[in-house]
Amino acid sequence: MAAWVLRRAAPTARAAVGPGRPVARDFHHIIARSPTTEWRHGWMRVDRPESLRPGDVFAWLKPPHWKRPNTGHVGFLVSAARPHPEYAGVWLMKIADATSIPHQGDSRDKDGEGGYGTGVIAFQFEPDGQAVGYGWYGARQPPKSFVPTRVVFGRVRR
């Protein structure tokens, strides 16, 4: 899904991810290597949650102990990040992604097979701005149950 969107909206950024059908790991690596103060190959890394805006891309790597066949997850922000009203360091974001497991307020049919849609997810940030985990179910998921993994955020341009 992410490659399809970028091919149409930001072809330079899409080309930088690599040929073929990129996976979440590929997006994570290109964002993690991107500078935060200038564009490189159509990408710029965003390193503070308050700087995130609609259209930004997120990617995380699958935690090493997980047995799932994927490499992580990737999606797009649909709205600006907002601080969680109860938990310091947690930011809520409406995102667009492709999944079969719904997020908080998900647009996908609850009895369907999943696919492309939107929902709210939560991210845990350290004081230095590094995202260190996610809560798949958004505001209703307590941080103690977040999945610990490095999350990166990037901005694209054509």
N, C-alpha and C. Protein backbone atom coordinates (compact mmCIF):
# COMPACT_ATOMS: atom_id res chain seq x y z
N MET A 1 0.81 -1.19 0.00
CA MET A 1 0.00 0.00 0.00
C MET A 1 0.86 1.25 0.00
N ALA A 2 1.86 1.31 0.87
CA ALA A 2 2.68 2.52 0.98
C ALA A 2 3.44 2.79 -0.32
N ALA A 3 3.95 1.75 -0.94
CA ALA A 3 4.67 1.93 -2.21
C ALA A 3 3.74 2.45 -3.29
N TRP A 4 2.52 1.94 -3.33
CA TRP A 4 1.53 2.37 -4.32
C TRP A 4 1.23 3.86 -4.16
N VAL A 5 1.01 4.30 -2.92
CA VAL A 5 0.72 5.71 -2.65
C VAL A 5 1.90 6.58 -3.06
N LEU A 6 3.10 6.19 -2.63
CA LEU A 6 4.27 7.01 -2.93
C LEU A 6 4.59 7.04 -4.42
N ARG A 7 4.36 5.98 -5.12
CA ARG A 7 4.61 5.96 -6.56
C ARG A 7 3.81 7.07 -7.25
N ARG A 8 2.62 7.34 -6.74
CA ARG A 8 1.77 8.36 -7.33
C ARG A 8 2.01 9.75 -6.76
N ALA A 9 2.26 9.84 -5.47
CA ALA A 9 2.35 11.15 -4.80
C ALA A 9 3.78 11.67 -4.65
N ALA A 10 4.75 10.79 -4.53
CA ALA A 10 6.14 11.20 -4.28
C ALA A 10 7.08 10.19 -4.94
N PRO A 11 7.15 10.19 -6.27
CA PRO A 11 7.93 9.17 -6.97
C PRO A 11 9.42 9.15 -6.63
N THR A 12 10.01 10.30 -6.31
CA THR A 12 11.42 10.31 -5.92
C THR A 12 11.61 9.55 -4.61
N ALA A 13 10.74 9.80 -3.64
CA ALA A 13 10.81 9.10 -2.37
C ALA A 13 10.56 7.61 -2.55
N ARG A 14 9.60 7.26 -3.42
CA ARG A 14 9.32 5.84 -3.68
C ARG A 14 10.54 5.14 -4.27
N ALA A 15 11.19 5.77 -5.23
CA ALA A 15 12.36 5.18 -5.87
C ALA A 15 13.49 4.95 -4.87
N ALA A 16 13.62 5.83 -3.88
CA ALA A 16 14.69 5.70 -2.88
C ALA A 16 14.50 4.50 -1.97
N VAL A 17 13.28 4.02 -1.84
CA VAL A 17 13.02 2.87 -0.98
C VAL A 17 13.58 1.60 -1.59
N GLY A 18 13.71 1.56 -2.91
CA GLY A 18 14.29 0.41 -3.58
C GLY A 18 13.35 -0.18 -4.59
N PRO A 19 13.88 -1.07 -5.42
CA PRO A 19 13.05 -1.67 -6.48
C PRO A 19 12.12 -2.75 -5.95
N GLY A 20 11.25 -3.19 -6.82
CA GLY A 20 10.36 -4.30 -6.46
C GLY A 20 9.28 -3.87 -5.49
N ARG A 21 8.93 -4.80 -4.62
CA ARG A 21 7.86 -4.58 -3.64
C ARG A 21 8.49 -4.38 -2.26
N PRO A 22 8.70 -3.12 -1.86
CA PRO A 22 9.35 -2.89 -0.56
C PRO A 22 8.47 -3.33 0.61
N VAL A 23 9.14 -3.69 1.69
CA VAL A 23 8.46 -4.10 2.92
C VAL A 23 8.74 -3.05 4.00
N ALA A 24 8.11 -3.18 5.14
CA ALA A 24 8.24 -2.20 6.23
C ALA A 24 9.70 -1.96 6.59
N ARG A 25 10.51 -2.98 6.61
CA ARG A 25 11.94 -2.84 6.94
C ARG A 25 12.61 -1.84 5.99
N ASP A 26 12.26 -1.90 4.69
CA ASP A 26 12.85 -0.99 3.71
C ASP A 26 12.48 0.46 4.00
N PHE A 27 11.21 0.69 4.33
CA PHE A 27 10.77 2.04 4.68
C PHE A 27 11.46 2.52 5.96
N HIS A 28 11.54 1.63 6.94
CA HIS A 28 12.19 1.99 8.20
C HIS A 28 13.63 2.42 7.95
N HIS A 29 14.36 1.66 7.17
CA HIS A 29 15.77 1.97 6.94
C HIS A 29 15.97 3.28 6.20
N ILE A 30 15.18 3.55 5.18
CA ILE A 30 15.36 4.81 4.43
C ILE A 30 15.01 6.01 5.30
N ILE A 31 13.97 5.89 6.12
CA ILE A 31 13.60 7.00 7.01
C ILE A 31 14.68 7.19 8.08
N ALA A 32 15.13 6.11 8.70
CA ALA A 32 16.13 6.20 9.78
C ALA A 32 17.43 6.83 9.28
N ARG A 33 17.78 6.63 8.03
CA ARG A 33 19.02 7.19 7.47
C ARG A 33 18.85 8.61 6.94
N SER A 34 17.63 9.10 6.89
CA SER A 34 17.39 10.43 6.32
C SER A 34 17.74 11.53 7.32
N PRO A 35 18.24 12.66 6.82
CA PRO A 35 18.54 13.77 7.72
C PRO A 35 17.26 14.44 8.22
N THR A 36 17.41 15.23 9.28
CA THR A 36 16.25 15.94 9.84
C THR A 36 16.20 17.41 9.43
N THR A 37 17.23 17.89 8.75
CA THR A 37 17.28 19.31 8.41
C THR A 37 17.32 19.58 6.91
N GLU A 38 17.36 18.53 6.11
CA GLU A 38 17.39 18.72 4.65
C GLU A 38 16.83 17.46 3.98
N TRP A 39 16.50 17.59 2.71
CA TRP A 39 15.95 16.49 1.94
C TRP A 39 17.07 15.64 1.35
N ARG A 40 16.86 14.32 1.40
CA ARG A 40 17.76 13.41 0.70
C ARG A 40 16.91 12.34 0.02
N HIS A 41 17.02 12.29 -1.28
CA HIS A 41 16.29 11.30 -2.08
C HIS A 41 14.78 11.36 -1.83
N GLY A 42 14.26 12.57 -1.62
CA GLY A 42 12.84 12.76 -1.42
C GLY A 42 12.35 12.52 -0.01
N TRP A 43 13.26 12.31 0.95
CA TRP A 43 12.89 12.02 2.34
C TRP A 43 13.54 13.00 3.30
N MET A 44 12.85 13.28 4.39
CA MET A 44 13.40 13.99 5.54
C MET A 44 12.81 13.33 6.78
N ARG A 45 13.65 12.98 7.74
CA ARG A 45 13.18 12.35 8.98
C ARG A 45 12.60 13.43 9.90
N VAL A 46 11.51 13.12 10.56
CA VAL A 46 10.87 14.01 11.53
C VAL A 46 11.16 13.42 12.91
N ASP A 47 11.79 14.21 13.76
CA ASP A 47 12.27 13.65 15.02
C ASP A 47 11.57 14.16 16.28
N ARG A 48 10.44 14.84 16.13
CA ARG A 48 9.67 15.30 17.29
C ARG A 48 8.19 15.08 17.01
N PRO A 49 7.43 14.54 17.95
CA PRO A 49 6.01 14.28 17.68
C PRO A 49 5.21 15.54 17.37
N GLU A 50 5.55 16.66 17.98
CA GLU A 50 4.81 17.89 17.74
C GLU A 50 5.05 18.43 16.33
N SER A 51 6.06 17.94 15.63
CA SER A 51 6.35 18.37 14.26
C SER A 51 5.66 17.52 13.21
N LEU A 52 5.04 16.43 13.61
CA LEU A 52 4.38 15.53 12.66
C LEU A 52 3.13 16.18 12.09
N ARG A 53 2.83 15.85 10.82
CA ARG A 53 1.65 16.41 10.17
C ARG A 53 1.06 15.39 9.20
N PRO A 54 -0.16 15.63 8.75
CA PRO A 54 -0.79 14.69 7.81
C PRO A 54 0.10 14.46 6.58
N GLY A 55 0.14 13.22 6.14
CA GLY A 55 0.96 12.83 5.00
C GLY A 55 2.30 12.24 5.39
N ASP A 56 2.75 12.47 6.63
CA ASP A 56 4.01 11.89 7.07
C ASP A 56 3.87 10.37 7.14
N VAL A 57 4.99 9.70 6.99
CA VAL A 57 5.04 8.24 6.95
C VAL A 57 5.64 7.74 8.27
N PHE A 58 5.09 6.66 8.81
CA PHE A 58 5.71 6.00 9.97
C PHE A 58 6.09 4.58 9.57
N ALA A 59 7.12 4.06 10.22
CA ALA A 59 7.52 2.66 9.99
C ALA A 59 8.18 2.15 11.26
N TRP A 60 7.89 0.89 11.57
CA TRP A 60 8.61 0.24 12.66
C TRP A 60 9.02 -1.15 12.22
N LEU A 61 10.03 -1.65 12.94
CA LEU A 61 10.51 -3.01 12.69
C LEU A 61 9.81 -3.97 13.63
N LYS A 62 9.57 -5.15 13.13
CA LYS A 62 8.98 -6.21 13.95
C LYS A 62 9.93 -6.51 15.10
N PRO A 63 9.43 -6.57 16.33
CA PRO A 63 10.30 -6.96 17.44
C PRO A 63 10.91 -8.34 17.19
N PRO A 64 12.16 -8.55 17.58
CA PRO A 64 12.86 -9.80 17.27
C PRO A 64 12.18 -11.07 17.79
N HIS A 65 11.47 -10.98 18.89
CA HIS A 65 10.85 -12.17 19.48
C HIS A 65 9.52 -12.56 18.82
N TRP A 66 9.01 -11.72 17.91
CA TRP A 66 7.75 -12.04 17.24
C TRP A 66 7.98 -13.04 16.13
N LYS A 67 7.07 -13.98 15.99
CA LYS A 67 7.19 -15.02 14.98
C LYS A 67 6.40 -14.73 13.71
N ARG A 68 5.78 -13.57 13.61
CA ARG A 68 4.99 -13.22 12.43
C ARG A 68 5.89 -13.13 11.20
N PRO A 69 5.32 -13.39 10.02
CA PRO A 69 6.15 -13.41 8.81
C PRO A 69 6.46 -12.03 8.22
N ASN A 70 5.95 -10.95 8.81
CA ASN A 70 6.23 -9.62 8.24
C ASN A 70 7.52 -9.04 8.81
N THR A 71 7.91 -7.86 8.32
CA THR A 71 9.13 -7.21 8.80
C THR A 71 8.83 -6.01 9.69
N GLY A 72 7.57 -5.69 9.88
CA GLY A 72 7.16 -4.54 10.67
C GLY A 72 5.87 -3.98 10.11
N HIS A 73 5.74 -2.67 10.17
CA HIS A 73 4.50 -2.03 9.70
C HIS A 73 4.81 -0.63 9.21
N VAL A 74 4.03 -0.16 8.25
CA VAL A 74 4.21 1.16 7.69
C VAL A 74 2.84 1.76 7.38
N GLY A 75 2.73 3.08 7.50
CA GLY A 75 1.47 3.75 7.19
C GLY A 75 1.68 5.25 7.11
N PHE A 76 0.57 5.97 6.99
CA PHE A 76 0.59 7.42 6.81
C PHE A 76 -0.23 8.10 7.88
N LEU A 77 0.22 9.27 8.33
CA LEU A 77 -0.57 10.07 9.25
C LEU A 77 -1.68 10.77 8.47
N VAL A 78 -2.88 10.73 9.03
CA VAL A 78 -4.03 11.40 8.44
C VAL A 78 -4.30 12.72 9.14
N SER A 79 -3.86 12.83 10.39
CA SER A 79 -4.03 14.07 11.15
C SER A 79 -2.75 14.34 11.93
N ALA A 80 -2.63 15.54 12.43
CA ALA A 80 -1.48 15.88 13.27
C ALA A 80 -1.52 15.06 14.55
N ALA A 81 -0.34 14.82 15.11
CA ALA A 81 -0.24 14.10 16.38
C ALA A 81 -0.77 14.98 17.50
N ARG A 82 -1.41 14.34 18.47
CA ARG A 82 -1.89 15.09 19.63
C ARG A 82 -1.50 14.32 20.91
N PRO A 83 -1.14 15.05 21.95
CA PRO A 83 -0.74 14.37 23.19
C PRO A 83 -1.91 13.61 23.81
N HIS A 84 -1.61 12.45 24.37
CA HIS A 84 -2.63 11.68 25.09
C HIS A 84 -3.04 12.49 26.32
N PRO A 85 -4.34 12.57 26.62
CA PRO A 85 -4.78 13.38 27.78
C PRO A 85 -4.39 12.80 29.13
N GLU A 86 -4.01 11.51 29.19
CA GLU A 86 -3.71 10.88 30.48
C GLU A 86 -2.25 10.46 30.65
N TYR A 87 -1.55 10.15 29.57
CA TYR A 87 -0.21 9.56 29.68
C TYR A 87 0.85 10.47 29.06
N ALA A 88 1.77 10.92 29.88
CA ALA A 88 2.87 11.76 29.39
C ALA A 88 3.73 10.95 28.41
N GLY A 89 4.16 11.60 27.35
CA GLY A 89 5.02 10.95 26.38
C GLY A 89 4.30 10.09 25.37
N VAL A 90 2.98 9.99 25.48
CA VAL A 90 2.19 9.21 24.52
C VAL A 90 1.44 10.19 23.62
N TRP A 91 1.54 9.94 22.33
CA TRP A 91 0.88 10.77 21.33
C TRP A 91 -0.06 9.92 20.51
N LEU A 92 -1.24 10.46 20.23
CA LEU A 92 -2.27 9.77 19.46
C LEU A 92 -2.27 10.31 18.04
N MET A 93 -2.45 9.41 17.08
CA MET A 93 -2.45 9.82 15.68
C MET A 93 -3.48 9.02 14.90
N LYS A 94 -4.25 9.72 14.10
CA LYS A 94 -5.11 9.02 13.15
C LYS A 94 -4.22 8.68 11.96
N ILE A 95 -4.25 7.41 11.57
CA ILE A 95 -3.37 6.94 10.52
C ILE A 95 -4.15 6.19 9.45
N ALA A 96 -3.53 6.03 8.30
CA ALA A 96 -4.06 5.18 7.22
C ALA A 96 -3.04 4.07 7.02
N ASP A 97 -3.54 2.84 6.97
CA ASP A 97 -2.67 1.70 6.75
C ASP A 97 -3.46 0.56 6.16
N ALA A 98 -2.79 -0.55 5.96
CA ALA A 98 -3.45 -1.78 5.49
C ALA A 98 -3.22 -2.84 6.55
N THR A 99 -4.31 -3.38 7.09
CA THR A 99 -4.22 -4.37 8.16
C THR A 99 -5.52 -5.15 8.25
N SER A 100 -5.44 -6.28 8.93
CA SER A 100 -6.66 -7.05 9.21
C SER A 100 -7.07 -6.92 10.67
N ILE A 101 -6.26 -6.22 11.46
CA ILE A 101 -6.56 -6.02 12.88
C ILE A 101 -6.90 -4.55 13.09
N PRO A 102 -8.15 -4.23 13.44
CA PRO A 102 -8.56 -2.83 13.52
C PRO A 102 -7.92 -2.06 14.68
N HIS A 103 -7.76 -0.76 14.46
CA HIS A 103 -7.29 0.18 15.47
C HIS A 103 -8.52 0.80 16.15
N GLN A 104 -8.27 1.71 17.08
CA GLN A 104 -9.36 2.46 17.70
C GLN A 104 -10.08 3.27 16.62
N GLY A 105 -11.41 3.23 16.63
CA GLY A 105 -12.19 4.01 15.67
C GLY A 105 -11.93 3.65 14.23
N ASP A 106 -11.65 2.40 13.96
CA ASP A 106 -11.24 1.97 12.63
C ASP A 106 -12.35 2.09 11.59
N SER A 107 -11.98 2.44 10.37
CA SER A 107 -12.94 2.60 9.28
C SER A 107 -13.26 1.28 8.58
N ARG A 108 -12.47 0.25 8.83
CA ARG A 108 -12.69 -1.03 8.16
C ARG A 108 -13.88 -1.78 8.75
N ASP A 109 -14.52 -2.59 7.95
CA ASP A 109 -15.64 -3.42 8.38
C ASP A 109 -15.15 -4.38 9.46
N LYS A 110 -15.76 -4.34 10.62
CA LYS A 110 -15.33 -5.19 11.74
C LYS A 110 -15.41 -6.68 11.42
N ASP A 111 -16.31 -7.05 10.53
CA ASP A 111 -16.46 -8.46 10.16
C ASP A 111 -15.78 -8.79 8.84
N GLY A 112 -15.03 -7.84 8.31
CA GLY A 112 -14.38 -8.02 7.01
C GLY A 112 -13.00 -8.65 7.13
N GLU A 113 -12.32 -8.66 6.02
CA GLU A 113 -10.99 -9.26 5.96
C GLU A 113 -9.88 -8.24 6.17
N GLY A 114 -10.23 -6.98 6.38
CA GLY A 114 -9.22 -5.95 6.56
C GLY A 114 -8.93 -5.25 5.25
N GLY A 115 -7.71 -4.76 5.11
CA GLY A 115 -7.31 -4.00 3.93
C GLY A 115 -6.99 -2.58 4.31
N TYR A 116 -7.12 -1.67 3.35
CA TYR A 116 -6.78 -0.27 3.56
C TYR A 116 -7.89 0.43 4.36
N GLY A 117 -7.49 1.24 5.33
CA GLY A 117 -8.44 2.00 6.12
C GLY A 117 -7.73 2.95 7.06
N THR A 118 -8.51 3.55 7.95
CA THR A 118 -7.96 4.50 8.91
C THR A 118 -8.37 4.13 10.33
N GLY A 119 -7.60 4.59 11.28
CA GLY A 119 -7.88 4.37 12.69
C GLY A 119 -6.90 5.15 13.53
N VAL A 120 -7.05 5.09 14.84
CA VAL A 120 -6.17 5.82 15.76
C VAL A 120 -5.21 4.84 16.41
N ILE A 121 -3.95 5.24 16.44
CA ILE A 121 -2.89 4.46 17.06
C ILE A 121 -2.15 5.37 18.02
N ALA A 122 -1.46 4.81 19.02
CA ALA A 122 -0.70 5.59 19.99
C ALA A 122 0.78 5.26 19.85
N PHE A 123 1.62 6.26 20.06
CA PHE A 123 3.07 6.06 20.05
C PHE A 123 3.66 6.61 21.33
N GLN A 124 4.61 5.87 21.91
CA GLN A 124 5.33 6.28 23.12
C GLN A 124 6.64 6.94 22.70
N PHE A 125 6.88 8.15 23.20
CA PHE A 125 8.09 8.89 22.87
C PHE A 125 8.94 9.12 24.12
N GLU A 126 10.24 9.04 23.95
CA GLU A 126 11.20 9.43 24.98
C GLU A 126 11.29 10.96 24.98
N PRO A 127 11.84 11.56 26.05
CA PRO A 127 11.96 13.02 26.08
C PRO A 127 12.78 13.59 24.91
N ASP A 128 13.70 12.82 24.36
CA ASP A 128 14.52 13.31 23.24
C ASP A 128 13.78 13.25 21.90
N GLY A 129 12.53 12.76 21.91
CA GLY A 129 11.74 12.69 20.68
C GLY A 129 11.73 11.35 20.00
N GLN A 130 12.54 10.40 20.47
CA GLN A 130 12.59 9.07 19.85
C GLN A 130 11.35 8.26 20.22
N ALA A 131 10.67 7.73 19.21
CA ALA A 131 9.51 6.85 19.46
C ALA A 131 10.03 5.46 19.76
N VAL A 132 9.57 4.89 20.87
CA VAL A 132 10.10 3.63 21.35
C VAL A 132 9.06 2.52 21.48
N GLY A 133 7.84 2.77 21.02
CA GLY A 133 6.82 1.74 21.08
C GLY A 133 5.50 2.26 20.56
N TYR A 134 4.58 1.31 20.37
CA TYR A 134 3.26 1.70 19.86
C TYR A 134 2.16 0.94 20.58
N GLY A 135 1.01 1.58 20.61
CA GLY A 135 -0.21 0.98 21.14
C GLY A 135 -1.19 0.87 19.98
N TRP A 136 -1.37 -0.33 19.47
CA TRP A 136 -2.18 -0.59 18.28
C TRP A 136 -3.60 -0.06 18.41
N TYR A 137 -4.13 -0.07 19.65
CA TYR A 137 -5.54 0.26 19.87
C TYR A 137 -5.78 1.70 20.32
N GLY A 138 -4.80 2.57 20.15
CA GLY A 138 -4.99 3.99 20.39
C GLY A 138 -5.13 4.38 21.84
N ALA A 139 -6.00 5.35 22.12
CA ALA A 139 -6.14 5.96 23.44
C ALA A 139 -6.60 4.97 24.50
N ARG A 140 -7.29 3.93 24.11
CA ARG A 140 -7.83 3.00 25.11
C ARG A 140 -6.81 1.95 25.55
N GLN A 141 -5.61 1.96 24.98
CA GLN A 141 -4.59 0.99 25.35
C GLN A 141 -3.58 1.62 26.31
N PRO A 142 -3.38 1.03 27.50
CA PRO A 142 -2.42 1.60 28.45
C PRO A 142 -0.98 1.39 27.97
N PRO A 143 -0.10 2.35 28.21
CA PRO A 143 1.28 2.25 27.74
C PRO A 143 2.02 1.00 28.23
N LYS A 144 1.65 0.47 29.39
CA LYS A 144 2.35 -0.73 29.89
C LYS A 144 2.16 -1.92 28.94
N SER A 145 1.16 -1.85 28.05
CA SER A 145 0.95 -2.95 27.11
C SER A 145 1.39 -2.60 25.68
N PHE A 146 2.09 -1.47 25.51
CA PHE A 146 2.59 -1.09 24.19
C PHE A 146 3.66 -2.09 23.73
N VAL A 147 3.80 -2.20 22.44
CA VAL A 147 4.84 -3.04 21.86
C VAL A 147 6.12 -2.21 21.79
N PRO A 148 7.19 -2.66 22.45
CA PRO A 148 8.43 -1.89 22.40
C PRO A 148 9.18 -2.15 21.08
N THR A 149 9.40 -1.10 20.33
CA THR A 149 10.19 -1.17 19.11
C THR A 149 10.49 0.25 18.65
N ARG A 150 11.54 0.40 17.89
CA ARG A 150 11.89 1.73 17.39
C ARG A 150 10.98 2.09 16.23
N VAL A 151 10.36 3.26 16.34
CA VAL A 151 9.47 3.76 15.29
C VAL A 151 10.13 5.01 14.71
N VAL A 152 10.10 5.11 13.39
CA VAL A 152 10.63 6.30 12.72
C VAL A 152 9.52 6.97 11.93
N PHE A 153 9.67 8.30 11.75
CA PHE A 153 8.70 9.10 11.03
C PHE A 153 9.45 9.88 9.96
N GLY A 154 8.88 9.92 8.77
CA GLY A 154 9.51 10.66 7.68
C GLY A 154 8.50 11.47 6.89
N ARG A 155 9.02 12.50 6.25
CA ARG A 155 8.22 13.35 5.37
C ARG A 155 8.75 13.16 3.96
N VAL A 156 7.85 13.14 3.00
CA VAL A 156 8.27 12.92 1.61
C VAL A 156 7.95 14.14 0.76
N ARG A 157 8.67 14.23 -0.34
CA ARG A 157 8.35 15.22 -1.36
C ARG A 157 8.59 14.57 -2.70
N ARG A 158 7.99 15.16 -3.71
CA ARG A 158 8.07 14.60 -5.05
C ARG A 158 9.50 14.50 -5.51
